[in-house]
Protein backbone atom coordinates (compact mmCIF):
# COMPACT_ATOMS: atom_id res chain seq x y z
CA MET A 1 11.27 36.37 20.62
CA ALA A 2 9.89 38.40 17.73
CA SER A 3 6.46 38.81 16.21
CA VAL A 4 4.89 40.74 13.34
CA ASP A 5 2.17 41.84 15.77
CA SER A 6 2.02 45.36 17.16
CA GLU A 7 3.96 46.36 20.26
CA GLU A 8 0.66 46.68 22.14
CA ASP A 9 -0.44 43.15 21.15
CA ASN A 10 2.94 41.71 22.10
CA LYS A 11 2.90 43.46 25.45
CA GLY A 12 -0.56 42.01 26.16
CA PHE A 13 0.60 38.54 25.12
CA ALA A 14 3.68 38.79 27.35
CA GLU A 15 1.62 39.92 30.34
CA LYS A 16 -1.02 37.24 29.81
CA ASN A 17 1.63 34.51 29.60
CA GLU A 18 3.82 36.00 32.35
CA ALA A 19 6.82 36.25 30.03
CA SER A 20 9.98 37.39 31.77
CA PHE A 21 11.41 38.94 28.60
CA PRO A 22 10.32 41.52 26.02
CA ILE A 23 8.93 40.54 22.62
CA LEU A 24 10.27 42.37 19.59
CA SER A 25 7.52 43.86 17.41
CA ASP A 26 8.06 43.87 13.65
CA PRO A 27 4.69 44.94 12.16
CA GLY A 28 6.46 46.27 9.03
CA LYS A 29 8.01 42.80 8.58
CA GLU A 30 11.46 44.21 7.82
CA MET A 31 13.34 41.98 10.26
CA THR A 32 11.32 38.87 9.42
CA ARG A 33 12.02 39.45 5.71
CA ALA A 34 15.74 39.86 6.44
CA TYR A 35 15.81 36.53 8.31
CA GLY A 36 13.66 34.78 5.69
CA VAL A 37 10.90 33.78 8.09
CA ASN A 38 7.85 35.42 6.51
CA SER A 39 5.17 32.88 5.71
CA ALA A 40 2.71 33.03 2.84
CA MET A 41 -0.03 33.56 5.44
CA GLY A 42 1.56 36.83 6.63
CA PHE A 43 2.95 35.75 9.99
CA ALA A 44 6.48 34.84 11.02
CA LYS A 45 7.54 31.20 11.04
CA ARG A 46 8.54 29.83 14.44
CA TRP A 47 12.24 29.40 13.93
CA THR A 48 14.94 29.84 16.58
CA PHE A 49 18.17 31.58 15.62
CA TYR A 50 21.19 31.06 17.87
CA ILE A 51 23.39 34.13 17.42
CA ASP A 52 26.74 34.49 19.16
CA GLN A 53 28.24 37.62 20.71
CA GLU A 54 29.90 38.52 17.39
CA GLY A 55 26.53 38.44 15.63
CA ILE A 56 27.23 35.17 13.79
CA ILE A 57 24.28 32.79 13.39
CA ARG A 58 25.55 29.50 14.83
CA LYS A 59 22.39 27.46 14.42
CA ILE A 60 18.85 27.76 13.07
CA ASP A 61 16.21 25.47 14.51
CA LYS A 62 13.32 25.23 12.04
CA ASP A 63 11.52 22.35 13.75
CA ILE A 64 9.82 24.07 16.69
CA ASN A 65 7.35 22.21 18.89
CA VAL A 66 5.81 24.83 21.19
CA ARG A 67 5.34 22.37 24.06
CA GLU A 68 8.99 21.27 23.97
CA ALA A 69 10.65 24.52 22.83
CA GLY A 70 12.16 25.36 26.22
CA VAL A 71 13.80 21.97 26.62
CA HIS A 72 15.16 22.07 23.06
CA LEU A 73 16.42 25.61 23.60
CA VAL A 74 18.49 24.51 26.61
CA GLU A 75 19.78 21.43 24.76
CA ASN A 76 20.83 23.52 21.76
CA LEU A 77 22.55 26.14 23.92
CA ARG A 78 24.49 23.40 25.70
CA SER A 79 25.49 21.79 22.39
CA LEU A 80 26.83 25.18 21.27
CA GLY A 81 28.92 25.44 24.44
CA VAL A 82 27.02 28.30 26.03
CA PRO A 83 27.94 28.38 29.74
CA THR A 84 25.18 27.75 32.23
CA VAL A 85 24.40 29.78 35.33
CA GLU A 86 23.90 27.85 38.53
């Protein structure tokens, strides 16, 4: 997960929402520009990039529904053949 917010804001967001992963901070918008996700309003679009171990983008999901994002994430990982942990 990445955001154009500051590291401090992202840390607060992660703690508030009990995230079990870090959030990348990109306040200079260099990474979001490189991935083409900057919006006209100044924030990053909610797109999911599926990047393999070689650094190749295998899929870009541009239709993100926040309430269903977790389910879609798992479905997309399975469709890409990513092994599951049981």
